[in-house]
């Protein structure tokens, strides 16, 4: 490859340019289906040489224990400098407190209120107001069927690729950011008050942005 001045770049220069900015992420969730399938789909969508940088673990424990699980795994695998926990508001007690404790301990949080399907809805252009996870899932199922012609299943291992195929991920990022800003403007600062809202989008956008930068 030649530079604009006609000089060829050295192999060392090319290798430096291609060094990926993506760090090592450790993602802990408390569900075996939806969140796990979505995160695995995200991991499988990135270049194969980077997939090992994303480790997804399902913690067979109460949501409140996700923080300790993330801390334990981070201490065992210090190379994973970006620990995250991912969970829904749903019926979780001490929702705000769990998020606060996680942040104090250096753990990033991808939360969804009322559930992750509100984030999935953003792929299709909107985040409707649902006050509970049952109505949120039901509403998303209807939207999903109208757009894809398929029945939504929480156990769908291909959910991430389908959302990207039938929806618009970049638009979804913008919608999620806008919703969070709206809540803040309305003086709703506690995650439990921010409905609908999600920060799972921040995790996904961060990963995808870093991968895109590594291609430049």
C-alpha atoms as a PDB file:
ATOM      1  CA  UNK A   1       0.000   0.000   0.000  1.00  0.00           C
ATOM      2  CA  UNK A   2       1.294   3.441  -0.939  1.00  0.00           C
ATOM      3  CA  UNK A   3       0.801   6.711   0.895  1.00  0.00           C
ATOM      4  CA  UNK A   4      -0.368   9.854  -0.928  1.00  0.00           C
ATOM      5  CA  UNK A   5       3.240  10.930  -1.451  1.00  0.00           C
ATOM      6  CA  UNK A   6       3.889   7.698  -3.299  1.00  0.00           C
ATOM      7  CA  UNK A   7       5.932   6.016  -0.571  1.00  0.00           C
ATOM      8  CA  UNK A   8       4.993   2.530   0.438  1.00  0.00           C
ATOM      9  CA  UNK A   9       4.046   1.958   4.051  1.00  0.00           C
ATOM     10  CA  UNK A  10       6.192  -0.489   5.942  1.00  0.00           C
ATOM     11  CA  UNK A  11       4.737  -3.694   7.366  1.00  0.00           C
ATOM     12  CA  UNK A  12       5.243  -2.221  10.835  1.00  0.00           C
ATOM     13  CA  UNK A  13       3.223   0.876   9.939  1.00  0.00           C
ATOM     14  CA  UNK A  14       0.399  -1.255   8.555  1.00  0.00           C
ATOM     15  CA  UNK A  15       0.312  -3.468  11.625  1.00  0.00           C
ATOM     16  CA  UNK A  16       0.120  -0.445  13.897  1.00  0.00           C
ATOM     17  CA  UNK A  17      -2.763   0.924  11.916  1.00  0.00           C
ATOM     18  CA  UNK A  18      -4.703  -2.310  12.215  1.00  0.00           C
ATOM     19  CA  UNK A  19      -4.361  -2.705  15.968  1.00  0.00           C
ATOM     20  CA  UNK A  20      -7.993  -2.907  17.164  1.00  0.00           C
ATOM     21  CA  UNK A  21      -9.167  -0.440  19.769  1.00  0.00           C
ATOM     22  CA  UNK A  22     -11.594  -2.979  21.171  1.00  0.00           C
ATOM     23  CA  UNK A  23     -10.619  -3.992  24.682  1.00  0.00           C
ATOM     24  CA  UNK A  24     -11.599  -7.099  26.605  1.00  0.00           C
ATOM     25  CA  UNK A  25     -15.195  -7.192  27.823  1.00  0.00           C
ATOM     26  CA  UNK A  26     -16.664  -9.439  30.449  1.00  0.00           C
ATOM     27  CA  UNK A  27     -20.473  -9.421  30.359  1.00  0.00           C
ATOM     28  CA  UNK A  28     -22.485 -11.041  33.148  1.00  0.00           C
ATOM     29  CA  UNK A  29     -26.248 -11.530  32.882  1.00  0.00           C
ATOM     30  CA  UNK A  30     -28.832 -13.413  34.936  1.00  0.00           C
ATOM     31  CA  UNK A  31     -30.863 -14.906  32.089  1.00  0.00           C
ATOM     32  CA  UNK A  32     -30.195 -17.962  29.950  1.00  0.00           C
ATOM     33  CA  UNK A  33     -32.312 -16.815  27.038  1.00  0.00           C
ATOM     34  CA  UNK A  34     -32.947 -13.288  25.800  1.00  0.00           C
ATOM     35  CA  UNK A  35     -29.976 -11.279  27.071  1.00  0.00           C
ATOM     36  CA  UNK A  36     -27.561 -14.156  26.623  1.00  0.00           C
ATOM     37  CA  UNK A  37     -28.705 -14.888  23.059  1.00  0.00           C
ATOM     38  CA  UNK A  38     -28.563 -11.225  22.109  1.00  0.00           C
ATOM     39  CA  UNK A  39     -25.048 -10.780  23.524  1.00  0.00           C
ATOM     40  CA  UNK A  40     -23.752 -13.953  21.905  1.00  0.00           C
ATOM     41  CA  UNK A  41     -25.216 -12.747  18.608  1.00  0.00           C
ATOM     42  CA  UNK A  42     -23.409  -9.443  19.059  1.00  0.00           C
ATOM     43  CA  UNK A  43     -20.148 -11.264  19.734  1.00  0.00           C
ATOM     44  CA  UNK A  44     -20.578 -13.522  16.706  1.00  0.00           C
ATOM     45  CA  UNK A  45     -21.227 -10.518  14.471  1.00  0.00           C
ATOM     46  CA  UNK A  46     -17.796  -8.971  15.006  1.00  0.00           C
ATOM     47  CA  UNK A  47     -14.591 -10.085  13.240  1.00  0.00           C
ATOM     48  CA  UNK A  48     -13.532 -13.566  14.323  1.00  0.00           C
ATOM     49  CA  UNK A  49     -10.140 -12.391  15.523  1.00  0.00           C
ATOM     50  CA  UNK A  50     -11.883 -10.098  18.019  1.00  0.00           C
ATOM     51  CA  UNK A  51     -14.592 -12.444  19.273  1.00  0.00           C
ATOM     52  CA  UNK A  52     -12.433 -13.768  22.082  1.00  0.00           C
ATOM     53  CA  UNK A  53     -12.415 -10.251  23.507  1.00  0.00           C
ATOM     54  CA  UNK A  54     -16.072 -10.623  24.502  1.00  0.00           C
ATOM     55  CA  UNK A  55     -16.861 -13.164  27.197  1.00  0.00           C
ATOM     56  CA  UNK A  56     -20.529 -13.672  28.122  1.00  0.00           C
ATOM     57  CA  UNK A  57     -21.389 -15.458  31.352  1.00  0.00           C
ATOM     58  CA  UNK A  58     -24.801 -16.364  32.719  1.00  0.00           C
ATOM     59  CA  UNK A  59     -24.877 -16.140  36.491  1.00  0.00           C
ATOM     60  CA  UNK A  60     -27.251 -18.675  38.016  1.00  0.00           C
ATOM     61  CA  UNK A  61     -28.017 -16.377  40.904  1.00  0.00           C
ATOM     62  CA  UNK A  62     -30.232 -13.516  41.949  1.00  0.00           C
ATOM     63  CA  UNK A  63     -29.772 -10.237  40.137  1.00  0.00           C
ATOM     64  CA  UNK A  64     -28.377  -8.622  43.277  1.00  0.00           C
ATOM     65  CA  UNK A  65     -25.435 -11.053  43.108  1.00  0.00           C
ATOM     66  CA  UNK A  66     -24.409 -10.047  39.586  1.00  0.00           C
ATOM     67  CA  UNK A  67     -22.071  -7.350  40.914  1.00  0.00           C
ATOM     68  CA  UNK A  68     -20.130  -9.808  43.059  1.00  0.00           C
ATOM     69  CA  UNK A  69     -19.973 -12.289  40.190  1.00  0.00           C
ATOM     70  CA  UNK A  70     -18.570  -9.627  37.869  1.00  0.00           C
ATOM     71  CA  UNK A  71     -15.999  -8.580  40.492  1.00  0.00           C
ATOM     72  CA  UNK A  72     -14.930 -12.178  41.075  1.00  0.00           C
ATOM     73  CA  UNK A  73     -14.478 -12.897  37.393  1.00  0.00           C
ATOM     74  CA  UNK A  74     -12.671  -9.609  36.832  1.00  0.00           C
ATOM     75  CA  UNK A  75     -10.196 -10.509  39.568  1.00  0.00           C
ATOM     76  CA  UNK A  76      -9.624 -13.953  38.031  1.00  0.00           C
ATOM     77  CA  UNK A  77      -9.206 -12.549  34.520  1.00  0.00           C
ATOM     78  CA  UNK A  78      -7.722  -9.047  34.924  1.00  0.00           C
ATOM     79  CA  UNK A  79      -7.206  -8.692  31.159  1.00  0.00           C
ATOM     80  CA  UNK A  80     -10.963  -8.171  30.880  1.00  0.00           C
ATOM     81  CA  UNK A  81     -10.814  -4.507  31.763  1.00  0.00           C
ATOM     82  CA  UNK A  82     -14.425  -3.747  30.800  1.00  0.00           C
ATOM     83  CA  UNK A  83     -16.741  -5.656  33.169  1.00  0.00           C
ATOM     84  CA  UNK A  84     -20.484  -5.221  32.576  1.00  0.00           C
ATOM     85  CA  UNK A  85     -23.639  -6.590  34.143  1.00  0.00           C
ATOM     86  CA  UNK A  86     -26.803  -6.728  32.028  1.00  0.00           C
ATOM     87  CA  UNK A  87     -30.267  -7.065  33.520  1.00  0.00           C
ATOM     88  CA  UNK A  88     -33.881  -5.853  33.377  1.00  0.00           C
ATOM     89  CA  UNK A  89     -35.929  -3.703  35.730  1.00  0.00           C
ATOM     90  CA  UNK A  90     -38.793  -6.228  35.614  1.00  0.00           C
ATOM     91  CA  UNK A  91     -39.617  -7.094  39.245  1.00  0.00           C
ATOM     92  CA  UNK A  92     -36.104  -6.577  40.591  1.00  0.00           C
ATOM     93  CA  UNK A  93     -36.022  -5.139  44.081  1.00  0.00           C
ATOM     94  CA  UNK A  94     -33.367  -2.525  44.872  1.00  0.00           C
ATOM     95  CA  UNK A  95     -32.943  -1.879  41.139  1.00  0.00           C
ATOM     96  CA  UNK A  96     -31.417   1.564  41.643  1.00  0.00           C
ATOM     97  CA  UNK A  97     -29.237   0.388  44.502  1.00  0.00           C
ATOM     98  CA  UNK A  98     -27.750  -2.468  42.481  1.00  0.00           C
ATOM     99  CA  UNK A  99     -26.848  -0.063  39.689  1.00  0.00           C
ATOM    100  CA  UNK A 100     -25.340   2.419  42.157  1.00  0.00           C
ATOM    101  CA  UNK A 101     -23.240  -0.238  43.903  1.00  0.00           C
ATOM    102  CA  UNK A 102     -22.014  -1.596  40.565  1.00  0.00           C
ATOM    103  CA  UNK A 103     -20.854   1.844  39.431  1.00  0.00           C
ATOM    104  CA  UNK A 104     -19.114   2.492  42.760  1.00  0.00           C
ATOM    105  CA  UNK A 105     -17.157  -0.722  42.290  1.00  0.00           C
ATOM    106  CA  UNK A 106     -16.187   0.064  38.703  1.00  0.00           C
ATOM    107  CA  UNK A 107     -18.719  -2.239  37.061  1.00  0.00           C
ATOM    108  CA  UNK A 108     -20.578  -0.906  34.013  1.00  0.00           C
ATOM    109  CA  UNK A 109     -24.315  -1.543  33.881  1.00  0.00           C
ATOM    110  CA  UNK A 110     -26.505  -2.317  30.894  1.00  0.00           C
ATOM    111  CA  UNK A 111     -30.002  -2.017  32.337  1.00  0.00           C
ATOM    112  CA  UNK A 112     -33.376  -1.939  30.626  1.00  0.00           C
ATOM    113  CA  UNK A 113     -36.607  -0.526  32.019  1.00  0.00           C
ATOM    114  CA  UNK A 114     -38.954  -2.326  31.959  1.00  0.00           C
ATOM    115  CA  UNK A 115     -37.153  -5.104  30.021  1.00  0.00           C
ATOM    116  CA  UNK A 116     -34.674  -5.654  27.185  1.00  0.00           C
ATOM    117  CA  UNK A 117     -37.472  -5.837  24.635  1.00  0.00           C
ATOM    118  CA  UNK A 118     -37.738  -2.044  24.977  1.00  0.00           C
ATOM    119  CA  UNK A 119     -34.215  -1.873  23.536  1.00  0.00           C
ATOM    120  CA  UNK A 120     -35.180  -4.322  20.794  1.00  0.00           C
ATOM    121  CA  UNK A 121     -38.119  -2.024  19.933  1.00  0.00           C
ATOM    122  CA  UNK A 122     -35.675   0.804  19.206  1.00  0.00           C
ATOM    123  CA  UNK A 123     -34.315  -1.208  16.252  1.00  0.00           C
ATOM    124  CA  UNK A 124     -37.740  -0.751  14.658  1.00  0.00           C
ATOM    125  CA  UNK A 125     -37.846   2.999  15.186  1.00  0.00           C
ATOM    126  CA  UNK A 126     -39.479   3.646  18.571  1.00  0.00           C
ATOM    127  CA  UNK A 127     -39.396   2.987  22.295  1.00  0.00           C
ATOM    128  CA  UNK A 128     -43.067   2.977  23.341  1.00  0.00           C
ATOM    129  CA  UNK A 129     -44.078   3.601  26.932  1.00  0.00           C
ATOM    130  CA  UNK A 130     -44.801   0.334  28.720  1.00  0.00           C
ATOM    131  CA  UNK A 131     -45.032   0.275  32.502  1.00  0.00           C
ATOM    132  CA  UNK A 132     -44.256  -3.414  32.979  1.00  0.00           C
ATOM    133  CA  UNK A 133     -42.363  -6.198  31.258  1.00  0.00           C
ATOM    134  CA  UNK A 134     -45.503  -8.178  30.348  1.00  0.00           C
ATOM    135  CA  UNK A 135     -47.018  -5.368  28.291  1.00  0.00           C
ATOM    136  CA  UNK A 136     -43.587  -4.510  26.889  1.00  0.00           C
ATOM    137  CA  UNK A 137     -43.003  -8.051  25.633  1.00  0.00           C
ATOM    138  CA  UNK A 138     -46.538  -8.258  24.250  1.00  0.00           C
ATOM    139  CA  UNK A 139     -46.176  -4.954  22.418  1.00  0.00           C
ATOM    140  CA  UNK A 140     -42.819  -5.926  20.990  1.00  0.00           C
ATOM    141  CA  UNK A 141     -44.166  -9.282  19.835  1.00  0.00           C
ATOM    142  CA  UNK A 142     -46.825  -7.487  17.781  1.00  0.00           C
ATOM    143  CA  UNK A 143     -44.303  -5.075  16.253  1.00  0.00           C
ATOM    144  CA  UNK A 144     -41.833  -7.860  15.557  1.00  0.00           C
ATOM    145  CA  UNK A 145     -44.440  -9.931  13.741  1.00  0.00           C
ATOM    146  CA  UNK A 146     -45.645  -6.981  11.635  1.00  0.00           C
ATOM    147  CA  UNK A 147     -42.122  -6.174  10.494  1.00  0.00           C
ATOM    148  CA  UNK A 148     -40.553  -9.624  10.171  1.00  0.00           C
ATOM    149  CA  UNK A 149     -43.535 -11.888   9.576  1.00  0.00           C
ATOM    150  CA  UNK A 150     -42.104 -14.148  12.280  1.00  0.00           C
ATOM    151  CA  UNK A 151     -43.142 -14.977  15.827  1.00  0.00           C
ATOM    152  CA  UNK A 152     -40.871 -13.539  18.493  1.00  0.00           C
ATOM    153  CA  UNK A 153     -39.321 -16.088  20.825  1.00  0.00           C
ATOM    154  CA  UNK A 154     -37.145 -15.251  23.816  1.00  0.00           C
ATOM    155  CA  UNK A 155     -35.133 -18.385  23.072  1.00  0.00           C
ATOM    156  CA  UNK A 156     -34.288 -17.275  19.521  1.00  0.00           C
ATOM    157  CA  UNK A 157     -30.516 -17.678  19.182  1.00  0.00           C
ATOM    158  CA  UNK A 158     -30.546 -15.476  16.074  1.00  0.00           C
ATOM    159  CA  UNK A 159     -32.302 -12.487  17.649  1.00  0.00           C
ATOM    160  CA  UNK A 160     -29.359 -10.103  17.245  1.00  0.00           C
ATOM    161  CA  UNK A 161     -28.876 -10.803  13.539  1.00  0.00           C
ATOM    162  CA  UNK A 162     -32.625 -10.519  12.908  1.00  0.00           C
ATOM    163  CA  UNK A 163     -32.856  -7.169  14.668  1.00  0.00           C
ATOM    164  CA  UNK A 164     -29.991  -5.878  12.536  1.00  0.00           C
ATOM    165  CA  UNK A 165     -31.453  -7.353   9.342  1.00  0.00           C
ATOM    166  CA  UNK A 166     -34.995  -6.050   9.749  1.00  0.00           C
ATOM    167  CA  UNK A 167     -34.228  -2.969  11.840  1.00  0.00           C
ATOM    168  CA  UNK A 168     -31.764  -0.088  12.007  1.00  0.00           C
ATOM    169  CA  UNK A 169     -29.121  -0.360  14.721  1.00  0.00           C
ATOM    170  CA  UNK A 170     -27.660   3.130  14.280  1.00  0.00           C
ATOM    171  CA  UNK A 171     -31.116   4.625  14.548  1.00  0.00           C
ATOM    172  CA  UNK A 172     -31.705   2.514  17.652  1.00  0.00           C
ATOM    173  CA  UNK A 173     -28.618   4.031  19.294  1.00  0.00           C
ATOM    174  CA  UNK A 174     -29.945   7.532  18.615  1.00  0.00           C
ATOM    175  CA  UNK A 175     -33.400   6.687  19.980  1.00  0.00           C
ATOM    176  CA  UNK A 176     -31.952   5.217  23.187  1.00  0.00           C
ATOM    177  CA  UNK A 177     -29.752   8.276  23.763  1.00  0.00           C
ATOM    178  CA  UNK A 178     -32.694  10.593  23.118  1.00  0.00           C
ATOM    179  CA  UNK A 179     -34.899   8.781  25.644  1.00  0.00           C
ATOM    180  CA  UNK A 180     -32.266   9.033  28.367  1.00  0.00           C
ATOM    181  CA  UNK A 181     -31.844  12.750  27.691  1.00  0.00           C
ATOM    182  CA  UNK A 182     -35.623  13.269  27.817  1.00  0.00           C
ATOM    183  CA  UNK A 183     -35.827  11.642  31.241  1.00  0.00           C
ATOM    184  CA  UNK A 184     -32.944  13.745  32.523  1.00  0.00           C
ATOM    185  CA  UNK A 185     -34.593  16.942  31.259  1.00  0.00           C
ATOM    186  CA  UNK A 186     -37.737  15.876  33.110  1.00  0.00           C
ATOM    187  CA  UNK A 187     -35.684  15.514  36.311  1.00  0.00           C
ATOM    188  CA  UNK A 188     -35.931  11.726  36.308  1.00  0.00           C
ATOM    189  CA  UNK A 189     -32.452  10.645  37.310  1.00  0.00           C
ATOM    190  CA  UNK A 190     -33.036   7.262  38.960  1.00  0.00           C
ATOM    191  CA  UNK A 191     -33.063   4.345  36.472  1.00  0.00           C
ATOM    192  CA  UNK A 192     -36.293   3.048  38.032  1.00  0.00           C
ATOM    193  CA  UNK A 193     -37.961   6.354  37.078  1.00  0.00           C
ATOM    194  CA  UNK A 194     -36.679   6.244  33.509  1.00  0.00           C
ATOM    195  CA  UNK A 195     -39.273   4.224  31.646  1.00  0.00           C
ATOM    196  CA  UNK A 196     -38.889   3.431  28.843  1.00  0.00           C
ATOM    197  CA  UNK A 197     -35.096   3.495  28.778  1.00  0.00           C
ATOM    198  CA  UNK A 198     -32.004   1.348  28.430  1.00  0.00           C
ATOM    199  CA  UNK A 199     -28.224   1.544  28.693  1.00  0.00           C
ATOM    200  CA  UNK A 200     -27.617  -1.783  26.950  1.00  0.00           C
ATOM    201  CA  UNK A 201     -27.416   0.430  23.885  1.00  0.00           C
ATOM    202  CA  UNK A 202     -24.315   2.134  25.321  1.00  0.00           C
ATOM    203  CA  UNK A 203     -22.496  -1.191  25.590  1.00  0.00           C
ATOM    204  CA  UNK A 204     -23.385  -2.246  22.050  1.00  0.00           C
ATOM    205  CA  UNK A 205     -22.602   1.156  20.562  1.00  0.00           C
ATOM    206  CA  UNK A 206     -19.245   1.305  22.322  1.00  0.00           C
ATOM    207  CA  UNK A 207     -18.225  -2.087  20.971  1.00  0.00           C
ATOM    208  CA  UNK A 208     -19.417  -1.403  17.426  1.00  0.00           C
ATOM    209  CA  UNK A 209     -17.821   2.061  17.354  1.00  0.00           C
ATOM    210  CA  UNK A 210     -14.441   0.714  18.461  1.00  0.00           C
ATOM    211  CA  UNK A 211     -14.578  -1.988  15.796  1.00  0.00           C
ATOM    212  CA  UNK A 212     -15.395   0.556  13.107  1.00  0.00           C
ATOM    213  CA  UNK A 213     -12.483   2.737  14.209  1.00  0.00           C
ATOM    214  CA  UNK A 214     -10.123  -0.228  13.963  1.00  0.00           C
ATOM    215  CA  UNK A 215     -11.032  -0.578  10.271  1.00  0.00           C
ATOM    216  CA  UNK A 216      -9.932   2.954   9.413  1.00  0.00           C
END
